[in-house]
Amino acid sequence: MRPPAPPGGEGGQTGGEGGRAAEGASLNPLLLLAVAWAALLAAAPLLARLACRLLGLVKPNFRGERIPAAVGITFLIVAAATYGLLSRSRGYLADVAPLFLLVSVGFGLLGLIDDGWGSRDVGGFRGHVGALLRGRPTTGGVKLLGGGALALVAGWLLHGGPGIAMLLDAGLIALAANTLNLLDVRPGRALFGFALLALPTLLVVAVTGSLLGGVLLGAAAAAAALEAVPDARGRAMMGDTGSNLLGATAGLAAAVELPVWARVVALLVLLALNLAAERVSLSKVIERTPWLAAIDRRLGVR
């Protein structure tokens, strides 16, 4: 006896076509998301430069040329859209993406405040804290205190409460952000610093096959790649908006993916760099050290 035909008509042909149609329909949202993200990557640098003009963030670079001075807005746009969308996904990725949204957008906006209204008359941790104690707060001080608070909140949410691990990761996030700020005085330096900060996390991702750090850090890396050439050629400055955001995002990715011992080592290295920068100019150290100067010259125009 011939078996009954599947629902939908003549034999299995219609069912097969329906299955293929359903599969195609299920792929369409993913395709649309990919196209939308590609369009966002294409539009973000243009929007960033428009924002720089509207906010008056066109300033002289180290050679006296007037260029957009906060194209880190590119990273801010990409991070806000990407991490906001991933926050609505499922699984552990959806649990951690809001942290990346908080840290990237929060640190980026603090940097933007400093880019727009900050003064370079006061610098360094001691300078900003001293100005605050004298009753003359600076935008750099606001960035310092706000970044510390954001890092503590991120550490708290990451570990579900206070503790040594929370303080470790909060310190890692805050110091990573400030380290890139210290480097962002010549073309290419801060992006190179971001690559170095991201490298341990990417190695762990490659060994363990974890998509979490790769996806979340990859969004920031893709945004950074958009501005790599203009930054290296001295045609745009990413400003504190960019260095603050990229450093904090790399620090958070390390907090999520690296084992405790690696995070402790990273924290100590970053702490040493920040303490050294309070006493000596990192630029002068780079210029006076032949092998560092050789690397530095390859990062961008000098």
C-alpha atoms as a PDB file:
ATOM      1  CA  MET A   1       0.000   0.000   0.000  1.00  0.00           C
ATOM      2  CA  ARG A   2       1.328   3.404  -0.956  1.00  0.00           C
ATOM      3  CA  PRO A   3       2.107   5.602   2.064  1.00  0.00           C
ATOM      4  CA  PRO A   4       0.121   8.801   2.406  1.00  0.00           C
ATOM      5  CA  ALA A   5       1.631  11.884   0.815  1.00  0.00           C
ATOM      6  CA  PRO A   6       3.078  14.466   3.178  1.00  0.00           C
ATOM      7  CA  PRO A   7       0.903  17.470   3.903  1.00  0.00           C
ATOM      8  CA  GLY A   8       1.005  20.175   1.319  1.00  0.00           C
ATOM      9  CA  GLY A   9       0.269  18.340  -1.879  1.00  0.00           C
ATOM     10  CA  GLU A  10       1.878  15.925  -4.346  1.00  0.00           C
ATOM     11  CA  GLY A  11       4.419  13.624  -2.695  1.00  0.00           C
ATOM     12  CA  GLY A  12       7.457  14.966  -0.806  1.00  0.00           C
ATOM     13  CA  GLN A  13       8.374  17.551  -3.427  1.00  0.00           C
ATOM     14  CA  THR A  14       6.217  20.350  -2.059  1.00  0.00           C
ATOM     15  CA  GLY A  15       7.340  19.572   1.499  1.00  0.00           C
ATOM     16  CA  GLY A  16      10.988  19.760   0.414  1.00  0.00           C
ATOM     17  CA  GLU A  17      10.412  23.058  -1.345  1.00  0.00           C
ATOM     18  CA  GLY A  18       8.612  24.357   1.746  1.00  0.00           C
ATOM     19  CA  GLY A  19      11.549  23.281   3.923  1.00  0.00           C
ATOM     20  CA  ARG A  20      14.002  25.066   1.672  1.00  0.00           C
ATOM     21  CA  ALA A  21      11.812  28.176   1.683  1.00  0.00           C
ATOM     22  CA  ALA A  22      11.637  28.096   5.483  1.00  0.00           C
ATOM     23  CA  GLU A  23      15.410  27.701   5.675  1.00  0.00           C
ATOM     24  CA  GLY A  24      15.875  30.645   3.319  1.00  0.00           C
ATOM     25  CA  ALA A  25      13.469  32.720   5.358  1.00  0.00           C
ATOM     26  CA  SER A  26      15.393  31.914   8.543  1.00  0.00           C
ATOM     27  CA  LEU A  27      18.642  33.024   6.916  1.00  0.00           C
ATOM     28  CA  ASN A  28      17.232  36.353   5.761  1.00  0.00           C
ATOM     29  CA  PRO A  29      17.407  38.086   9.182  1.00  0.00           C
ATOM     30  CA  LEU A  30      21.059  37.056   9.566  1.00  0.00           C
ATOM     31  CA  LEU A  31      21.845  38.329   6.090  1.00  0.00           C
ATOM     32  CA  LEU A  32      20.057  41.594   6.813  1.00  0.00           C
ATOM     33  CA  LEU A  33      21.986  42.005  10.056  1.00  0.00           C
ATOM     34  CA  ALA A  34      25.290  41.395   8.258  1.00  0.00           C
ATOM     35  CA  VAL A  35      24.420  43.958   5.578  1.00  0.00           C
ATOM     36  CA  ALA A  36      23.283  46.468   8.202  1.00  0.00           C
ATOM     37  CA  TRP A  37      26.519  46.027  10.203  1.00  0.00           C
ATOM     38  CA  ALA A  38      28.618  46.461   7.060  1.00  0.00           C
ATOM     39  CA  ALA A  39      26.674  49.652   6.277  1.00  0.00           C
ATOM     40  CA  LEU A  40      27.273  50.846   9.828  1.00  0.00           C
ATOM     41  CA  LEU A  41      31.025  50.272   9.473  1.00  0.00           C
ATOM     42  CA  ALA A  42      31.005  52.232   6.226  1.00  0.00           C
ATOM     43  CA  ALA A  43      28.975  55.130   7.624  1.00  0.00           C
ATOM     44  CA  ALA A  44      30.560  55.441  11.084  1.00  0.00           C
ATOM     45  CA  PRO A  45      33.771  57.267   9.992  1.00  0.00           C
ATOM     46  CA  LEU A  46      31.711  59.782   7.990  1.00  0.00           C
ATOM     47  CA  LEU A  47      29.369  60.368  10.928  1.00  0.00           C
ATOM     48  CA  ALA A  48      32.353  60.761  13.247  1.00  0.00           C
ATOM     49  CA  ARG A  49      33.889  63.475  11.069  1.00  0.00           C
ATOM     50  CA  LEU A  50      30.558  65.273  10.793  1.00  0.00           C
ATOM     51  CA  ALA A  51      30.249  65.160  14.586  1.00  0.00           C
ATOM     52  CA  CYS A  52      33.783  66.570  14.933  1.00  0.00           C
ATOM     53  CA  ARG A  53      32.822  69.549  12.775  1.00  0.00           C
ATOM     54  CA  LEU A  54      29.542  70.147  14.587  1.00  0.00           C
ATOM     55  CA  LEU A  55      31.209  69.927  18.017  1.00  0.00           C
ATOM     56  CA  GLY A  56      34.180  72.062  17.029  1.00  0.00           C
ATOM     57  CA  LEU A  57      36.586  69.162  17.424  1.00  0.00           C
ATOM     58  CA  VAL A  58      38.879  70.097  14.552  1.00  0.00           C
ATOM     59  CA  LYS A  59      42.237  70.929  16.115  1.00  0.00           C
ATOM     60  CA  PRO A  60      45.953  71.146  15.272  1.00  0.00           C
ATOM     61  CA  ASN A  61      47.879  67.892  15.471  1.00  0.00           C
ATOM     62  CA  PHE A  62      51.484  67.588  16.670  1.00  0.00           C
ATOM     63  CA  ARG A  63      52.630  69.097  13.342  1.00  0.00           C
ATOM     64  CA  GLY A  64      50.213  72.020  13.534  1.00  0.00           C
ATOM     65  CA  GLU A  65      47.798  70.691  10.885  1.00  0.00           C
ATOM     66  CA  ARG A  66      44.090  71.100  11.638  1.00  0.00           C
ATOM     67  CA  ILE A  67      42.418  67.687  11.529  1.00  0.00           C
ATOM     68  CA  PRO A  68      39.388  65.944  13.107  1.00  0.00           C
ATOM     69  CA  ALA A  69      40.431  65.459  16.742  1.00  0.00           C
ATOM     70  CA  ALA A  70      37.925  62.902  18.038  1.00  0.00           C
ATOM     71  CA  VAL A  71      37.347  60.270  15.366  1.00  0.00           C
ATOM     72  CA  GLY A  72      37.122  57.812  18.240  1.00  0.00           C
ATOM     73  CA  ILE A  73      33.431  58.675  17.791  1.00  0.00           C
ATOM     74  CA  THR A  74      33.656  56.017  15.058  1.00  0.00           C
ATOM     75  CA  PHE A  75      34.360  53.423  17.753  1.00  0.00           C
ATOM     76  CA  LEU A  76      31.593  54.839  19.926  1.00  0.00           C
ATOM     77  CA  ILE A  77      28.997  54.462  17.151  1.00  0.00           C
ATOM     78  CA  VAL A  78      30.065  50.917  16.252  1.00  0.00           C
ATOM     79  CA  ALA A  79      30.328  49.789  19.884  1.00  0.00           C
ATOM     80  CA  ALA A  80      26.940  51.213  20.876  1.00  0.00           C
ATOM     81  CA  ALA A  81      25.163  49.558  17.941  1.00  0.00           C
ATOM     82  CA  THR A  82      27.009  46.217  18.101  1.00  0.00           C
ATOM     83  CA  TYR A  83      26.961  45.625  21.841  1.00  0.00           C
ATOM     84  CA  GLY A  84      23.401  46.928  22.075  1.00  0.00           C
ATOM     85  CA  LEU A  85      22.295  44.391  19.476  1.00  0.00           C
ATOM     86  CA  LEU A  86      24.276  41.532  21.053  1.00  0.00           C
ATOM     87  CA  SER A  87      22.641  42.333  24.394  1.00  0.00           C
ATOM     88  CA  ARG A  88      19.392  41.087  22.861  1.00  0.00           C
ATOM     89  CA  SER A  89      20.886  37.737  21.806  1.00  0.00           C
ATOM     90  CA  ARG A  90      20.841  34.545  23.877  1.00  0.00           C
ATOM     91  CA  GLY A  91      23.183  32.695  26.204  1.00  0.00           C
ATOM     92  CA  TYR A  92      26.305  33.928  27.987  1.00  0.00           C
ATOM     93  CA  LEU A  93      27.000  36.343  25.145  1.00  0.00           C
ATOM     94  CA  ALA A  94      23.800  38.196  26.024  1.00  0.00           C
ATOM     95  CA  ASP A  95      24.873  38.258  29.685  1.00  0.00           C
ATOM     96  CA  VAL A  96      28.261  39.854  28.990  1.00  0.00           C
ATOM     97  CA  ALA A  97      27.404  42.124  26.027  1.00  0.00           C
ATOM     98  CA  PRO A  98      25.618  44.697  28.269  1.00  0.00           C
ATOM     99  CA  LEU A  99      28.867  45.032  30.243  1.00  0.00           C
ATOM    100  CA  PHE A 100      30.741  45.810  27.042  1.00  0.00           C
ATOM    101  CA  LEU A 101      28.009  48.302  26.132  1.00  0.00           C
ATOM    102  CA  LEU A 102      28.304  50.004  29.530  1.00  0.00           C
ATOM    103  CA  VAL A 103      32.103  50.118  29.525  1.00  0.00           C
ATOM    104  CA  SER A 104      32.663  51.082  25.881  1.00  0.00           C
ATOM    105  CA  VAL A 105      29.987  53.778  25.706  1.00  0.00           C
ATOM    106  CA  GLY A 106      30.677  55.046  29.228  1.00  0.00           C
ATOM    107  CA  PHE A 107      34.433  55.371  28.772  1.00  0.00           C
ATOM    108  CA  GLY A 108      33.949  56.733  25.248  1.00  0.00           C
ATOM    109  CA  LEU A 109      31.621  59.496  26.440  1.00  0.00           C
ATOM    110  CA  LEU A 110      33.994  60.417  29.290  1.00  0.00           C
ATOM    111  CA  GLY A 111      36.757  60.730  26.713  1.00  0.00           C
ATOM    112  CA  LEU A 112      34.506  62.833  24.472  1.00  0.00           C
ATOM    113  CA  ILE A 113      33.870  65.256  27.344  1.00  0.00           C
ATOM    114  CA  ASP A 114      37.612  65.640  27.798  1.00  0.00           C
ATOM    115  CA  ASP A 115      38.157  66.072  24.046  1.00  0.00           C
ATOM    116  CA  GLY A 116      35.483  68.735  23.800  1.00  0.00           C
ATOM    117  CA  TRP A 117      35.964  70.745  26.962  1.00  0.00           C
ATOM    118  CA  GLY A 118      39.280  69.642  28.427  1.00  0.00           C
ATOM    119  CA  SER A 119      42.457  71.641  28.921  1.00  0.00           C
ATOM    120  CA  ARG A 120      45.996  70.329  28.561  1.00  0.00           C
ATOM    121  CA  ASP A 121      47.282  72.717  31.235  1.00  0.00           C
ATOM    122  CA  VAL A 122      46.823  69.983  33.858  1.00  0.00           C
ATOM    123  CA  GLY A 123      47.960  66.409  33.251  1.00  0.00           C
ATOM    124  CA  GLY A 124      48.629  63.147  34.992  1.00  0.00           C
ATOM    125  CA  PHE A 125      46.949  61.499  37.949  1.00  0.00           C
ATOM    126  CA  ARG A 126      48.597  63.790  40.492  1.00  0.00           C
ATOM    127  CA  GLY A 127      47.724  66.914  38.485  1.00  0.00           C
ATOM    128  CA  HIS A 128      44.022  66.108  38.190  1.00  0.00           C
ATOM    129  CA  VAL A 129      43.649  64.924  41.783  1.00  0.00           C
ATOM    130  CA  GLY A 130      45.542  67.977  43.010  1.00  0.00           C
ATOM    131  CA  ALA A 131      43.237  70.293  41.029  1.00  0.00           C
ATOM    132  CA  LEU A 132      40.221  68.482  42.466  1.00  0.00           C
ATOM    133  CA  LEU A 133      41.507  68.885  46.032  1.00  0.00           C
ATOM    134  CA  ARG A 134      42.048  72.611  45.402  1.00  0.00           C
ATOM    135  CA  GLY A 135      38.412  72.938  44.363  1.00  0.00           C
ATOM    136  CA  ARG A 136      39.174  73.317  40.656  1.00  0.00           C
ATOM    137  CA  PRO A 137      37.977  70.079  39.053  1.00  0.00           C
ATOM    138  CA  THR A 138      39.097  69.349  35.497  1.00  0.00           C
ATOM    139  CA  THR A 139      37.480  67.295  32.756  1.00  0.00           C
ATOM    140  CA  GLY A 140      40.454  64.968  33.131  1.00  0.00           C
ATOM    141  CA  GLY A 141      39.522  64.566  36.787  1.00  0.00           C
ATOM    142  CA  VAL A 142      35.926  63.827  35.793  1.00  0.00           C
ATOM    143  CA  LYS A 143      37.239  61.206  33.349  1.00  0.00           C
ATOM    144  CA  LEU A 144      39.469  59.747  36.067  1.00  0.00           C
ATOM    145  CA  LEU A 145      36.752  59.483  38.705  1.00  0.00           C
ATOM    146  CA  GLY A 146      34.024  58.493  36.253  1.00  0.00           C
ATOM    147  CA  GLY A 147      36.215  55.829  34.687  1.00  0.00           C
ATOM    148  CA  GLY A 148      37.094  54.427  38.109  1.00  0.00           C
ATOM    149  CA  ALA A 149      33.417  54.270  39.038  1.00  0.00           C
ATOM    150  CA  LEU A 150      32.480  52.595  35.744  1.00  0.00           C
ATOM    151  CA  ALA A 151      35.293  50.057  36.164  1.00  0.00           C
ATOM    152  CA  LEU A 152      34.093  49.206  39.689  1.00  0.00           C
ATOM    153  CA  VAL A 153      30.511  48.766  38.459  1.00  0.00           C
ATOM    154  CA  ALA A 154      31.727  46.521  35.632  1.00  0.00           C
ATOM    155  CA  GLY A 155      33.802  44.442  38.066  1.00  0.00           C
ATOM    156  CA  TRP A 156      30.844  44.166  40.444  1.00  0.00           C
ATOM    157  CA  LEU A 157      28.471  43.033  37.681  1.00  0.00           C
ATOM    158  CA  LEU A 158      31.038  40.627  36.244  1.00  0.00           C
ATOM    159  CA  HIS A 159      31.544  38.848  39.579  1.00  0.00           C
ATOM    160  CA  GLY A 160      28.149  39.412  41.161  1.00  0.00           C
ATOM    161  CA  GLY A 161      29.432  41.431  44.116  1.00  0.00           C
ATOM    162  CA  PRO A 162      32.494  42.844  45.871  1.00  0.00           C
ATOM    163  CA  GLY A 163      35.745  40.970  46.358  1.00  0.00           C
ATOM    164  CA  ILE A 164      39.368  40.685  45.290  1.00  0.00           C
ATOM    165  CA  ALA A 165      38.414  39.532  41.787  1.00  0.00           C
ATOM    166  CA  MET A 166      36.160  42.557  41.374  1.00  0.00           C
ATOM    167  CA  LEU A 167      38.969  44.947  42.374  1.00  0.00           C
ATOM    168  CA  LEU A 168      41.455  43.129  40.133  1.00  0.00           C
ATOM    169  CA  ASP A 169      39.278  43.431  37.047  1.00  0.00           C
ATOM    170  CA  ALA A 170      38.180  46.986  37.823  1.00  0.00           C
ATOM    171  CA  GLY A 171      41.844  47.983  38.067  1.00  0.00           C
ATOM    172  CA  LEU A 172      42.608  46.191  34.812  1.00  0.00           C
ATOM    173  CA  ILE A 173      39.833  48.032  32.953  1.00  0.00           C
ATOM    174  CA  ALA A 174      40.689  51.481  34.349  1.00  0.00           C
ATOM    175  CA  LEU A 175      44.462  51.161  33.891  1.00  0.00           C
ATOM    176  CA  ALA A 176      44.103  49.799  30.350  1.00  0.00           C
ATOM    177  CA  ALA A 177      42.034  52.852  29.414  1.00  0.00           C
ATOM    178  CA  ASN A 178      44.530  55.277  30.953  1.00  0.00           C
ATOM    179  CA  THR A 179      47.498  53.505  29.357  1.00  0.00           C
ATOM    180  CA  LEU A 180      46.109  54.089  25.867  1.00  0.00           C
ATOM    181  CA  ASN A 181      45.436  57.723  26.808  1.00  0.00           C
ATOM    182  CA  LEU A 182      49.130  58.050  27.695  1.00  0.00           C
ATOM    183  CA  LEU A 183      50.189  56.571  24.366  1.00  0.00           C
ATOM    184  CA  ASP A 184      47.838  58.640  22.216  1.00  0.00           C
ATOM    185  CA  VAL A 185      50.226  61.532  21.601  1.00  0.00           C
ATOM    186  CA  ARG A 186      51.650  60.385  18.273  1.00  0.00           C
ATOM    187  CA  PRO A 187      49.988  58.697  15.266  1.00  0.00           C
ATOM    188  CA  GLY A 188      49.596  54.947  15.523  1.00  0.00           C
ATOM    189  CA  ARG A 189      50.820  54.529  19.097  1.00  0.00           C
ATOM    190  CA  ALA A 190      47.477  54.031  20.804  1.00  0.00           C
ATOM    191  CA  LEU A 191      46.222  51.570  18.181  1.00  0.00           C
ATOM    192  CA  PHE A 192      49.468  49.615  18.532  1.00  0.00           C
ATOM    193  CA  GLY A 193      48.924  49.663  22.301  1.00  0.00           C
ATOM    194  CA  PHE A 194      45.388  48.363  21.765  1.00  0.00           C
ATOM    195  CA  ALA A 195      46.761  45.501  19.662  1.00  0.00           C
ATOM    196  CA  LEU A 196      49.226  44.599  22.421  1.00  0.00           C
ATOM    197  CA  LEU A 197      46.490  44.726  25.065  1.00  0.00           C
ATOM    198  CA  ALA A 198      44.204  42.566  22.930  1.00  0.00           C
ATOM    199  CA  LEU A 199      46.881  39.996  22.004  1.00  0.00           C
ATOM    200  CA  PRO A 200      46.737  37.842  25.198  1.00  0.00           C
ATOM    201  CA  THR A 201      42.947  37.649  24.955  1.00  0.00           C
ATOM    202  CA  LEU A 202      43.086  36.698  21.278  1.00  0.00           C
ATOM    203  CA  LEU A 203      45.673  33.981  22.029  1.00  0.00           C
ATOM    204  CA  VAL A 204      43.384  32.506  24.687  1.00  0.00           C
ATOM    205  CA  VAL A 205      40.469  32.668  22.253  1.00  0.00           C
ATOM    206  CA  ALA A 206      42.544  30.876  19.600  1.00  0.00           C
ATOM    207  CA  VAL A 207      43.583  28.108  22.025  1.00  0.00           C
ATOM    208  CA  THR A 208      40.240  27.565  23.759  1.00  0.00           C
ATOM    209  CA  GLY A 209      37.993  28.233  20.785  1.00  0.00           C
ATOM    210  CA  SER A 210      35.887  30.615  22.875  1.00  0.00           C
ATOM    211  CA  LEU A 211      33.736  32.791  20.666  1.00  0.00           C
ATOM    212  CA  LEU A 212      32.859  35.127  23.525  1.00  0.00           C
ATOM    213  CA  GLY A 213      36.046  37.184  23.686  1.00  0.00           C
ATOM    214  CA  GLY A 214      36.546  36.935  19.938  1.00  0.00           C
ATOM    215  CA  VAL A 215      33.112  38.330  19.087  1.00  0.00           C
ATOM    216  CA  LEU A 216      33.092  41.060  21.720  1.00  0.00           C
ATOM    217  CA  LEU A 217      36.685  42.188  21.208  1.00  0.00           C
ATOM    218  CA  GLY A 218      36.348  41.732  17.451  1.00  0.00           C
ATOM    219  CA  ALA A 219      33.721  44.477  17.228  1.00  0.00           C
ATOM    220  CA  ALA A 220      36.119  47.009  18.786  1.00  0.00           C
ATOM    221  CA  ALA A 221      38.985  45.737  16.620  1.00  0.00           C
ATOM    222  CA  ALA A 222      36.893  46.146  13.445  1.00  0.00           C
ATOM    223  CA  ALA A 223      36.046  49.722  14.438  1.00  0.00           C
ATOM    224  CA  ALA A 224      39.705  50.445  15.201  1.00  0.00           C
ATOM    225  CA  ALA A 225      40.733  49.111  11.794  1.00  0.00           C
ATOM    226  CA  LEU A 226      38.500  51.708  10.122  1.00  0.00           C
ATOM    227  CA  GLU A 227      40.617  54.543  11.531  1.00  0.00           C
ATOM    228  CA  ALA A 228      44.039  52.851  11.460  1.00  0.00           C
ATOM    229  CA  VAL A 229      45.275  54.425   8.205  1.00  0.00           C
ATOM    230  CA  PRO A 230      44.057  58.004   8.854  1.00  0.00           C
ATOM    231  CA  ASP A 231      45.493  57.803  12.367  1.00  0.00           C
ATOM    232  CA  ALA A 232      48.875  56.482  11.211  1.00  0.00           C
ATOM    233  CA  ARG A 233      49.139  59.148   8.503  1.00  0.00           C
ATOM    234  CA  GLY A 234      48.274  61.950  10.910  1.00  0.00           C
ATOM    235  CA  ARG A 235      45.073  62.835   9.049  1.00  0.00           C
ATOM    236  CA  ALA A 236      42.827  62.289  12.080  1.00  0.00           C
ATOM    237  CA  MET A 237      43.176  61.915  15.838  1.00  0.00           C
ATOM    238  CA  MET A 238      41.020  59.424  17.672  1.00  0.00           C
ATOM    239  CA  GLY A 239      41.322  61.522  20.827  1.00  0.00           C
ATOM    240  CA  ASP A 240      40.477  60.443  24.351  1.00  0.00           C
ATOM    241  CA  THR A 241      37.109  59.292  22.986  1.00  0.00           C
ATOM    242  CA  GLY A 242      38.870  56.512  21.097  1.00  0.00           C
ATOM    243  CA  SER A 243      41.782  55.688  23.382  1.00  0.00           C
ATOM    244  CA  ASN A 244      39.591  55.592  26.484  1.00  0.00           C
ATOM    245  CA  LEU A 245      37.027  53.328  24.797  1.00  0.00           C
ATOM    246  CA  LEU A 246      39.505  50.932  23.191  1.00  0.00           C
ATOM    247  CA  GLY A 247      41.628  50.586  26.328  1.00  0.00           C
ATOM    248  CA  ALA A 248      38.656  49.899  28.590  1.00  0.00           C
ATOM    249  CA  THR A 249      37.157  47.421  26.104  1.00  0.00           C
ATOM    250  CA  ALA A 250      40.460  45.528  25.818  1.00  0.00           C
ATOM    251  CA  GLY A 251      40.707  45.496  29.621  1.00  0.00           C
ATOM    252  CA  LEU A 252      37.186  44.101  29.978  1.00  0.00           C
ATOM    253  CA  ALA A 253      37.852  41.430  27.332  1.00  0.00           C
ATOM    254  CA  ALA A 254      40.950  40.397  29.307  1.00  0.00           C
ATOM    255  CA  ALA A 255      38.878  40.267  32.501  1.00  0.00           C
ATOM    256  CA  VAL A 256      36.352  37.977  30.804  1.00  0.00           C
ATOM    257  CA  GLU A 257      38.782  35.587  29.087  1.00  0.00           C
ATOM    258  CA  LEU A 258      42.168  35.505  30.869  1.00  0.00           C
ATOM    259  CA  PRO A 259      42.996  33.302  33.877  1.00  0.00           C
ATOM    260  CA  VAL A 260      43.637  35.014  37.198  1.00  0.00           C
ATOM    261  CA  TRP A 261      47.453  34.810  37.023  1.00  0.00           C
ATOM    262  CA  ALA A 262      47.489  36.435  33.572  1.00  0.00           C
ATOM    263  CA  ARG A 263      45.202  39.231  34.745  1.00  0.00           C
ATOM    264  CA  VAL A 264      47.464  39.871  37.741  1.00  0.00           C
ATOM    265  CA  VAL A 265      50.516  40.082  35.474  1.00  0.00           C
ATOM    266  CA  ALA A 266      48.681  42.429  33.090  1.00  0.00           C
ATOM    267  CA  LEU A 267      47.553  44.611  35.993  1.00  0.00           C
ATOM    268  CA  LEU A 268      51.097  44.903  37.368  1.00  0.00           C
ATOM    269  CA  VAL A 269      52.538  45.809  33.950  1.00  0.00           C
ATOM    270  CA  LEU A 270      49.880  48.478  33.381  1.00  0.00           C
ATOM    271  CA  LEU A 271      50.313  49.833  36.898  1.00  0.00           C
ATOM    272  CA  ALA A 272      54.080  50.109  36.374  1.00  0.00           C
ATOM    273  CA  LEU A 273      53.574  52.007  33.103  1.00  0.00           C
ATOM    274  CA  ASN A 274      51.108  54.433  34.683  1.00  0.00           C
ATOM    275  CA  LEU A 275      53.350  55.073  37.690  1.00  0.00           C
ATOM    276  CA  ALA A 276      56.363  55.606  35.427  1.00  0.00           C
ATOM    277  CA  ALA A 277      54.391  58.116  33.340  1.00  0.00           C
ATOM    278  CA  GLU A 278      53.886  60.229  36.477  1.00  0.00           C
ATOM    279  CA  ARG A 279      57.653  60.756  36.676  1.00  0.00           C
ATOM    280  CA  VAL A 280      58.942  60.613  33.103  1.00  0.00           C
ATOM    281  CA  SER A 281      57.611  61.309  29.618  1.00  0.00           C
ATOM    282  CA  LEU A 282      56.859  58.051  27.801  1.00  0.00           C
ATOM    283  CA  SER A 283      57.499  59.839  24.502  1.00  0.00           C
ATOM    284  CA  LYS A 284      60.996  60.803  25.605  1.00  0.00           C
ATOM    285  CA  VAL A 285      61.697  57.255  26.796  1.00  0.00           C
ATOM    286  CA  ILE A 286      60.596  55.922  23.406  1.00  0.00           C
ATOM    287  CA  GLU A 287      62.701  58.467  21.507  1.00  0.00           C
ATOM    288  CA  ARG A 288      65.822  57.757  23.596  1.00  0.00           C
ATOM    289  CA  THR A 289      65.571  53.955  23.356  1.00  0.00           C
ATOM    290  CA  PRO A 290      66.801  52.833  19.913  1.00  0.00           C
ATOM    291  CA  TRP A 291      64.721  49.682  19.542  1.00  0.00           C
ATOM    292  CA  LEU A 292      61.553  51.406  20.795  1.00  0.00           C
ATOM    293  CA  ALA A 293      62.194  54.359  18.487  1.00  0.00           C
ATOM    294  CA  ALA A 294      62.640  51.989  15.538  1.00  0.00           C
ATOM    295  CA  ILE A 295      59.272  50.353  16.228  1.00  0.00           C
ATOM    296  CA  ASP A 296      57.646  53.722  16.841  1.00  0.00           C
ATOM    297  CA  ARG A 297      58.722  55.112  13.474  1.00  0.00           C
ATOM    298  CA  ARG A 298      56.903  52.246  11.750  1.00  0.00           C
ATOM    299  CA  LEU A 299      53.606  53.024  13.472  1.00  0.00           C
ATOM    300  CA  GLY A 300      52.925  56.353  11.779  1.00  0.00           C
ATOM    301  CA  VAL A 301      54.261  59.699  10.631  1.00  0.00           C
ATOM    302  CA  ARG A 302      56.744  61.436  12.930  1.00  0.00           C
END
